[in-house]
Amino acid sequence: MAIKSRYEPDEAREHILDAAEALFRRIGYAKTTIADIANALGMSSANIYRFFPGKNAINDGLCRRMLGELHTFAESFLAGPDPVSMRLEAMIVGVHLHNKSRFTHEATVHEMVAVAMQENWQAVEEHIGYMGQLFGQLIAQGIASGEFAPCDVEAYARTLGFACCGAFHPTMIAEAKPDATEDDVRRLARLLVRGLANNTASVAPSADVGGNA
C-alpha cells in the first residue's frame, strides 16, 4: 500500500509503522531493511527517511505505540464497581496476560520487543514511570476506601512496580513455563494486595486458583 501525498504526516507515519510491524512479525526485526519497508508500501527508501531517520526510529515508534496500547488497557482498572483490592489484582494479572499474548507467542515478535526495549530505553523508562503512577492511583484509592493501610503512596507504588517486573517483562515471561505463569502471577498479586491491606478493615476476598493462595 503506497503512502499517498494527501496523507497528513502523522497518518503517513502510522502507515510506515504498520508496514514495518508486519515485516518484523513475518521475517524478524534483524532481517528487515528500510528498503523492505519501502517496497511493502510501494515507495522509495528516501520517502521513508522523510518521516523516520532510520530503522531504530521506526522501532522506537512501534515500541511507544505498543506501550500506549498497554497503558490504555491498564488504565481500565482505575475505575469500576469492584473493590480496589480486586481491581489491583486484576490489573497485575491482566497486564501479565496482555504482555504474554501480545509479545511472546511468536519468536519474531519477541525479537522485535526485545530489541525495542534494548534500543529505546527512554520509552521503557517512561513506561515504568507511568505504570508506577497507575499503581499509585490505585493505592491512594485503597487508602481512601479504607481497604489499604496508610502508607507512602509513591514509595509503595515503586515497590509494586519492582515486584511485578518478572510478571510484566516480556523476556522473563517468555523464559517461564507457559502453563504456570498465570497462577504464579495471581498468587503474587494476592500477596502484594495483602501487604497493602488495612488489617482493621475487611478486604474483599477472591477465589483461590486451584485451591491455593
C-alpha atoms as a PDB file:
ATOM      1  CA  MET A   1       0.000   0.000   0.000  1.00  0.00           C
ATOM      2  CA  ALA A   2       1.630   3.237  -1.123  1.00  0.00           C
ATOM      3  CA  ILE A   3       1.614   6.336   1.048  1.00  0.00           C
ATOM      4  CA  LYS A   4      -0.472   8.888  -0.774  1.00  0.00           C
ATOM      5  CA  SER A   5       0.593  12.522  -0.862  1.00  0.00           C
ATOM      6  CA  ARG A   6      -2.756  13.576   0.606  1.00  0.00           C
ATOM      7  CA  TYR A   7      -1.975  11.843   3.901  1.00  0.00           C
ATOM      8  CA  GLU A   8      -1.044  14.024   6.817  1.00  0.00           C
ATOM      9  CA  PRO A   9       2.456  13.367   8.254  1.00  0.00           C
ATOM     10  CA  ASP A  10       1.090  11.579  11.335  1.00  0.00           C
ATOM     11  CA  GLU A  11      -1.070   9.345   9.159  1.00  0.00           C
ATOM     12  CA  ALA A  12       1.873   8.591   6.886  1.00  0.00           C
ATOM     13  CA  ARG A  13       3.989   7.603   9.896  1.00  0.00           C
ATOM     14  CA  GLU A  14       1.265   5.228  11.052  1.00  0.00           C
ATOM     15  CA  HIS A  15       1.238   3.524   7.635  1.00  0.00           C
ATOM     16  CA  ILE A  16       5.013   3.113   7.827  1.00  0.00           C
ATOM     17  CA  LEU A  17       4.750   1.670  11.328  1.00  0.00           C
ATOM     18  CA  ASP A  18       2.024  -0.735  10.185  1.00  0.00           C
ATOM     19  CA  ALA A  19       4.181  -1.971   7.290  1.00  0.00           C
ATOM     20  CA  ALA A  20       7.262  -2.259   9.498  1.00  0.00           C
ATOM     21  CA  GLU A  21       5.432  -4.200  12.204  1.00  0.00           C
ATOM     22  CA  ALA A  22       4.024  -6.632   9.631  1.00  0.00           C
ATOM     23  CA  LEU A  23       7.525  -7.270   8.284  1.00  0.00           C
ATOM     24  CA  PHE A  24       9.086  -7.542  11.729  1.00  0.00           C
ATOM     25  CA  ARG A  25       6.460 -10.137  12.590  1.00  0.00           C
ATOM     26  CA  ARG A  26       6.894 -12.076   9.352  1.00  0.00           C
ATOM     27  CA  ILE A  27      10.669 -12.126   8.806  1.00  0.00           C
ATOM     28  CA  GLY A  28      12.088 -10.639  12.004  1.00  0.00           C
ATOM     29  CA  TYR A  29      13.479  -7.289  13.035  1.00  0.00           C
ATOM     30  CA  ALA A  30      17.118  -8.023  12.160  1.00  0.00           C
ATOM     31  CA  LYS A  31      16.332  -9.199   8.631  1.00  0.00           C
ATOM     32  CA  THR A  32      14.020  -6.300   7.765  1.00  0.00           C
ATOM     33  CA  THR A  33      15.578  -3.330   5.984  1.00  0.00           C
ATOM     34  CA  ILE A  34      14.323   0.154   5.224  1.00  0.00           C
ATOM     35  CA  ALA A  35      14.172  -0.943   1.583  1.00  0.00           C
ATOM     36  CA  ASP A  36      11.864  -3.828   2.544  1.00  0.00           C
ATOM     37  CA  ILE A  37       9.534  -1.429   4.329  1.00  0.00           C
ATOM     38  CA  ALA A  38       9.588   0.958   1.372  1.00  0.00           C
ATOM     39  CA  ASN A  39       8.845  -1.879  -1.079  1.00  0.00           C
ATOM     40  CA  ALA A  40       5.898  -3.035   1.036  1.00  0.00           C
ATOM     41  CA  LEU A  41       4.468   0.468   0.717  1.00  0.00           C
ATOM     42  CA  GLY A  42       5.287   0.842  -2.989  1.00  0.00           C
ATOM     43  CA  MET A  43       7.587   3.796  -2.420  1.00  0.00           C
ATOM     44  CA  SER A  44      11.273   4.687  -2.303  1.00  0.00           C
ATOM     45  CA  SER A  45      13.503   4.419   0.742  1.00  0.00           C
ATOM     46  CA  ALA A  46      14.024   8.176   0.524  1.00  0.00           C
ATOM     47  CA  ASN A  47      10.360   8.686   1.344  1.00  0.00           C
ATOM     48  CA  ILE A  48      10.719   6.566   4.485  1.00  0.00           C
ATOM     49  CA  TYR A  49      13.571   8.800   5.614  1.00  0.00           C
ATOM     50  CA  ARG A  50      11.299  11.828   5.270  1.00  0.00           C
ATOM     51  CA  PHE A  51       9.393  10.517   8.280  1.00  0.00           C
ATOM     52  CA  PHE A  52      11.950   8.414  10.193  1.00  0.00           C
ATOM     53  CA  PRO A  53      15.736   8.920  10.295  1.00  0.00           C
ATOM     54  CA  GLY A  54      16.358   5.165  10.424  1.00  0.00           C
ATOM     55  CA  LYS A  55      15.129   1.731  11.450  1.00  0.00           C
ATOM     56  CA  ASN A  56      15.803   2.427  15.107  1.00  0.00           C
ATOM     57  CA  ALA A  57      13.426   5.394  14.969  1.00  0.00           C
ATOM     58  CA  ILE A  58      10.765   3.165  13.403  1.00  0.00           C
ATOM     59  CA  ASN A  59      11.236   0.608  16.162  1.00  0.00           C
ATOM     60  CA  ASP A  60      11.020   3.385  18.744  1.00  0.00           C
ATOM     61  CA  GLY A  61       7.695   4.415  17.201  1.00  0.00           C
ATOM     62  CA  LEU A  62       6.449   0.827  17.376  1.00  0.00           C
ATOM     63  CA  CYS A  63       7.662   0.478  20.964  1.00  0.00           C
ATOM     64  CA  ARG A  64       5.786   3.616  22.006  1.00  0.00           C
ATOM     65  CA  ARG A  65       2.663   2.546  20.135  1.00  0.00           C
ATOM     66  CA  MET A  66       2.628  -0.879  21.779  1.00  0.00           C
ATOM     67  CA  LEU A  67       3.215   0.640  25.196  1.00  0.00           C
ATOM     68  CA  GLY A  68       0.400   3.104  24.529  1.00  0.00           C
ATOM     69  CA  GLU A  69      -1.960   0.196  23.871  1.00  0.00           C
ATOM     70  CA  LEU A  70      -0.824  -1.408  27.129  1.00  0.00           C
ATOM     71  CA  HIS A  71      -1.364   1.844  29.039  1.00  0.00           C
ATOM     72  CA  THR A  72      -4.910   2.149  27.724  1.00  0.00           C
ATOM     73  CA  PHE A  73      -5.612  -1.397  28.861  1.00  0.00           C
ATOM     74  CA  ALA A  74      -4.057  -0.849  32.309  1.00  0.00           C
ATOM     75  CA  GLU A  75      -5.989   2.399  32.801  1.00  0.00           C
ATOM     76  CA  SER A  76      -9.254   0.465  32.527  1.00  0.00           C
ATOM     77  CA  PHE A  77      -8.683  -0.917  36.043  1.00  0.00           C
ATOM     78  CA  LEU A  78      -8.620   2.515  37.679  1.00  0.00           C
ATOM     79  CA  ALA A  79     -12.411   2.718  37.825  1.00  0.00           C
ATOM     80  CA  GLY A  80     -15.203   0.235  38.313  1.00  0.00           C
ATOM     81  CA  PRO A  81     -17.627  -1.198  40.838  1.00  0.00           C
ATOM     82  CA  ASP A  82     -15.214  -3.757  42.316  1.00  0.00           C
ATOM     83  CA  PRO A  83     -13.181  -3.044  45.460  1.00  0.00           C
ATOM     84  CA  VAL A  84      -9.723  -1.581  44.838  1.00  0.00           C
ATOM     85  CA  SER A  85      -8.033  -4.739  46.084  1.00  0.00           C
ATOM     86  CA  MET A  86      -9.782  -6.781  43.398  1.00  0.00           C
ATOM     87  CA  ARG A  87      -9.024  -4.224  40.681  1.00  0.00           C
ATOM     88  CA  LEU A  88      -5.343  -4.099  41.628  1.00  0.00           C
ATOM     89  CA  GLU A  89      -5.101  -7.890  41.495  1.00  0.00           C
ATOM     90  CA  ALA A  90      -6.958  -7.929  38.173  1.00  0.00           C
ATOM     91  CA  MET A  91      -4.659  -5.271  36.718  1.00  0.00           C
ATOM     92  CA  ILE A  92      -1.485  -7.147  37.647  1.00  0.00           C
ATOM     93  CA  VAL A  93      -2.785 -10.408  36.195  1.00  0.00           C
ATOM     94  CA  GLY A  94      -4.314  -8.631  33.189  1.00  0.00           C
ATOM     95  CA  VAL A  95      -1.118  -6.780  32.255  1.00  0.00           C
ATOM     96  CA  HIS A  96       0.814 -10.035  32.551  1.00  0.00           C
ATOM     97  CA  LEU A  97      -1.602 -11.854  30.247  1.00  0.00           C
ATOM     98  CA  HIS A  98      -1.664  -8.916  27.811  1.00  0.00           C
ATOM     99  CA  ASN A  99       2.129  -8.941  27.534  1.00  0.00           C
ATOM    100  CA  LYS A 100       2.234 -12.721  27.302  1.00  0.00           C
ATOM    101  CA  SER A 101      -0.312 -12.795  24.482  1.00  0.00           C
ATOM    102  CA  ARG A 102       0.943  -9.725  22.603  1.00  0.00           C
ATOM    103  CA  PHE A 103       4.697 -10.062  22.870  1.00  0.00           C
ATOM    104  CA  THR A 104       5.857 -13.635  23.490  1.00  0.00           C
ATOM    105  CA  HIS A 105       3.858 -16.111  21.402  1.00  0.00           C
ATOM    106  CA  GLU A 106       5.885 -15.650  18.207  1.00  0.00           C
ATOM    107  CA  ALA A 107       9.689 -15.649  18.020  1.00  0.00           C
ATOM    108  CA  THR A 108       9.770 -12.725  15.580  1.00  0.00           C
ATOM    109  CA  VAL A 109       7.500 -10.640  17.804  1.00  0.00           C
ATOM    110  CA  HIS A 110       9.613 -11.433  20.839  1.00  0.00           C
ATOM    111  CA  GLU A 111      12.722 -10.362  18.914  1.00  0.00           C
ATOM    112  CA  MET A 112      11.079  -7.076  17.927  1.00  0.00           C
ATOM    113  CA  VAL A 113      10.061  -6.325  21.514  1.00  0.00           C
ATOM    114  CA  ALA A 114      13.453  -7.323  22.930  1.00  0.00           C
ATOM    115  CA  VAL A 115      15.246  -5.003  20.503  1.00  0.00           C
ATOM    116  CA  ALA A 116      12.757  -2.219  21.196  1.00  0.00           C
ATOM    117  CA  MET A 117      13.437  -2.470  24.926  1.00  0.00           C
ATOM    118  CA  GLN A 118      17.208  -2.521  24.417  1.00  0.00           C
ATOM    119  CA  GLU A 119      17.400   0.345  21.940  1.00  0.00           C
ATOM    120  CA  ASN A 120      14.650   2.617  23.258  1.00  0.00           C
ATOM    121  CA  TRP A 121      15.335   2.770  26.966  1.00  0.00           C
ATOM    122  CA  GLN A 122      13.814   6.236  27.313  1.00  0.00           C
ATOM    123  CA  ALA A 123      10.423   4.900  26.198  1.00  0.00           C
ATOM    124  CA  VAL A 124      10.794   1.977  28.603  1.00  0.00           C
ATOM    125  CA  GLU A 125      11.697   4.292  31.489  1.00  0.00           C
ATOM    126  CA  GLU A 126       8.665   6.443  30.691  1.00  0.00           C
ATOM    127  CA  HIS A 127       6.548   3.270  30.683  1.00  0.00           C
ATOM    128  CA  ILE A 128       7.879   2.182  34.079  1.00  0.00           C
ATOM    129  CA  GLY A 129       7.115   5.632  35.454  1.00  0.00           C
ATOM    130  CA  TYR A 130       3.614   5.591  34.009  1.00  0.00           C
ATOM    131  CA  MET A 131       2.814   2.179  35.453  1.00  0.00           C
ATOM    132  CA  GLY A 132       4.065   3.491  38.799  1.00  0.00           C
ATOM    133  CA  GLN A 133       1.576   6.342  38.526  1.00  0.00           C
ATOM    134  CA  LEU A 134      -1.261   3.871  37.905  1.00  0.00           C
ATOM    135  CA  PHE A 135      -0.197   1.784  40.894  1.00  0.00           C
ATOM    136  CA  GLY A 136      -0.075   4.962  42.948  1.00  0.00           C
ATOM    137  CA  GLN A 137      -3.598   5.938  41.967  1.00  0.00           C
ATOM    138  CA  LEU A 138      -4.929   2.514  42.965  1.00  0.00           C
ATOM    139  CA  ILE A 139      -3.071   2.570  46.276  1.00  0.00           C
ATOM    140  CA  ALA A 140      -4.466   6.038  47.009  1.00  0.00           C
ATOM    141  CA  GLN A 141      -7.965   4.810  46.188  1.00  0.00           C
ATOM    142  CA  GLY A 142      -7.489   1.849  48.520  1.00  0.00           C
ATOM    143  CA  ILE A 143      -6.343   4.100  51.362  1.00  0.00           C
ATOM    144  CA  ALA A 144      -9.302   6.416  50.793  1.00  0.00           C
ATOM    145  CA  SER A 145     -11.734   3.492  50.858  1.00  0.00           C
ATOM    146  CA  GLY A 146     -10.150   2.011  53.964  1.00  0.00           C
ATOM    147  CA  GLU A 147      -9.052  -1.181  52.206  1.00  0.00           C
ATOM    148  CA  PHE A 148      -5.341  -0.303  52.371  1.00  0.00           C
ATOM    149  CA  ALA A 149      -3.378   0.935  55.360  1.00  0.00           C
ATOM    150  CA  PRO A 150      -1.994   4.485  55.158  1.00  0.00           C
ATOM    151  CA  CYS A 151       1.468   4.449  53.571  1.00  0.00           C
ATOM    152  CA  ASP A 152       3.934   6.430  51.464  1.00  0.00           C
ATOM    153  CA  VAL A 153       1.987   6.052  48.207  1.00  0.00           C
ATOM    154  CA  GLU A 154       4.839   6.976  45.878  1.00  0.00           C
ATOM    155  CA  ALA A 155       7.313   4.630  47.574  1.00  0.00           C
ATOM    156  CA  TYR A 156       4.889   1.710  47.672  1.00  0.00           C
ATOM    157  CA  ALA A 157       3.915   2.280  44.035  1.00  0.00           C
ATOM    158  CA  ARG A 158       7.598   1.933  43.097  1.00  0.00           C
ATOM    159  CA  THR A 159       7.804  -1.218  45.190  1.00  0.00           C
ATOM    160  CA  LEU A 160       4.782  -2.689  43.416  1.00  0.00           C
ATOM    161  CA  GLY A 161       6.368  -1.963  40.049  1.00  0.00           C
ATOM    162  CA  PHE A 162       9.629  -3.570  41.135  1.00  0.00           C
ATOM    163  CA  ALA A 163       7.811  -6.630  42.477  1.00  0.00           C
ATOM    164  CA  CYS A 164       5.931  -7.047  39.187  1.00  0.00           C
ATOM    165  CA  CYS A 165       8.981  -6.852  36.906  1.00  0.00           C
ATOM    166  CA  GLY A 166       9.099 -10.614  36.410  1.00  0.00           C
ATOM    167  CA  ALA A 167       5.372 -10.745  35.730  1.00  0.00           C
ATOM    168  CA  PHE A 168       5.438  -7.917  33.176  1.00  0.00           C
ATOM    169  CA  HIS A 169       8.802  -8.183  31.388  1.00  0.00           C
ATOM    170  CA  PRO A 170       8.338  -9.968  28.010  1.00  0.00           C
ATOM    171  CA  THR A 171      11.726 -11.711  28.140  1.00  0.00           C
ATOM    172  CA  MET A 172      11.121 -13.099  31.618  1.00  0.00           C
ATOM    173  CA  ILE A 173       7.611 -14.192  30.634  1.00  0.00           C
ATOM    174  CA  ALA A 174       8.993 -15.972  27.555  1.00  0.00           C
ATOM    175  CA  GLU A 175      11.552 -17.861  29.651  1.00  0.00           C
ATOM    176  CA  ALA A 176       8.985 -19.066  32.209  1.00  0.00           C
ATOM    177  CA  LYS A 177       6.853 -22.195  31.961  1.00  0.00           C
ATOM    178  CA  PRO A 178       3.977 -21.117  29.685  1.00  0.00           C
ATOM    179  CA  ASP A 179       1.337 -23.140  31.543  1.00  0.00           C
ATOM    180  CA  ALA A 180       2.263 -21.922  35.019  1.00  0.00           C
ATOM    181  CA  THR A 181       2.717 -18.184  34.842  1.00  0.00           C
ATOM    182  CA  GLU A 182      -0.897 -17.079  35.282  1.00  0.00           C
ATOM    183  CA  ASP A 183      -1.358 -18.936  38.568  1.00  0.00           C
ATOM    184  CA  ASP A 184       2.028 -17.724  39.805  1.00  0.00           C
ATOM    185  CA  VAL A 185       1.226 -14.122  38.926  1.00  0.00           C
ATOM    186  CA  ARG A 186      -2.187 -14.320  40.561  1.00  0.00           C
ATOM    187  CA  ARG A 187      -0.594 -15.579  43.771  1.00  0.00           C
ATOM    188  CA  LEU A 188       1.962 -12.759  43.548  1.00  0.00           C
ATOM    189  CA  ALA A 189      -0.825 -10.201  43.092  1.00  0.00           C
ATOM    190  CA  ARG A 190      -2.693 -11.504  46.133  1.00  0.00           C
ATOM    191  CA  LEU A 191       0.466 -11.417  48.208  1.00  0.00           C
ATOM    192  CA  LEU A 192       1.059  -7.783  47.236  1.00  0.00           C
ATOM    193  CA  VAL A 193      -2.560  -6.813  47.924  1.00  0.00           C
ATOM    194  CA  ARG A 194      -2.404  -8.436  51.350  1.00  0.00           C
ATOM    195  CA  GLY A 195       0.760  -6.490  52.088  1.00  0.00           C
ATOM    196  CA  LEU A 196      -1.163  -3.255  51.477  1.00  0.00           C
ATOM    197  CA  ALA A 197      -4.263  -4.322  53.389  1.00  0.00           C
ATOM    198  CA  ASN A 198      -5.608  -2.393  56.318  1.00  0.00           C
ATOM    199  CA  ASN A 199      -5.878  -5.176  58.871  1.00  0.00           C
ATOM    200  CA  THR A 200      -8.577  -3.317  60.749  1.00  0.00           C
ATOM    201  CA  ALA A 201     -10.829  -3.389  57.651  1.00  0.00           C
ATOM    202  CA  SER A 202     -12.212  -6.273  55.671  1.00  0.00           C
ATOM    203  CA  VAL A 203     -10.582  -6.727  52.291  1.00  0.00           C
ATOM    204  CA  ALA A 204     -12.750  -8.334  49.642  1.00  0.00           C
ATOM    205  CA  PRO A 205     -11.613 -11.954  49.180  1.00  0.00           C
ATOM    206  CA  SER A 206     -11.183 -13.575  45.802  1.00  0.00           C
ATOM    207  CA  ALA A 207     -11.371 -17.259  44.933  1.00  0.00           C
ATOM    208  CA  ASP A 208      -8.095 -19.173  45.106  1.00  0.00           C
ATOM    209  CA  VAL A 209      -6.589 -20.571  41.929  1.00  0.00           C
ATOM    210  CA  GLY A 210      -6.607 -24.339  42.079  1.00  0.00           C
ATOM    211  CA  GLY A 211      -7.312 -24.206  45.822  1.00  0.00           C
ATOM    212  CA  ASN A 212      -4.026 -22.410  46.586  1.00  0.00           C
ATOM    213  CA  ALA A 213      -3.497 -18.800  47.619  1.00  0.00           C
END
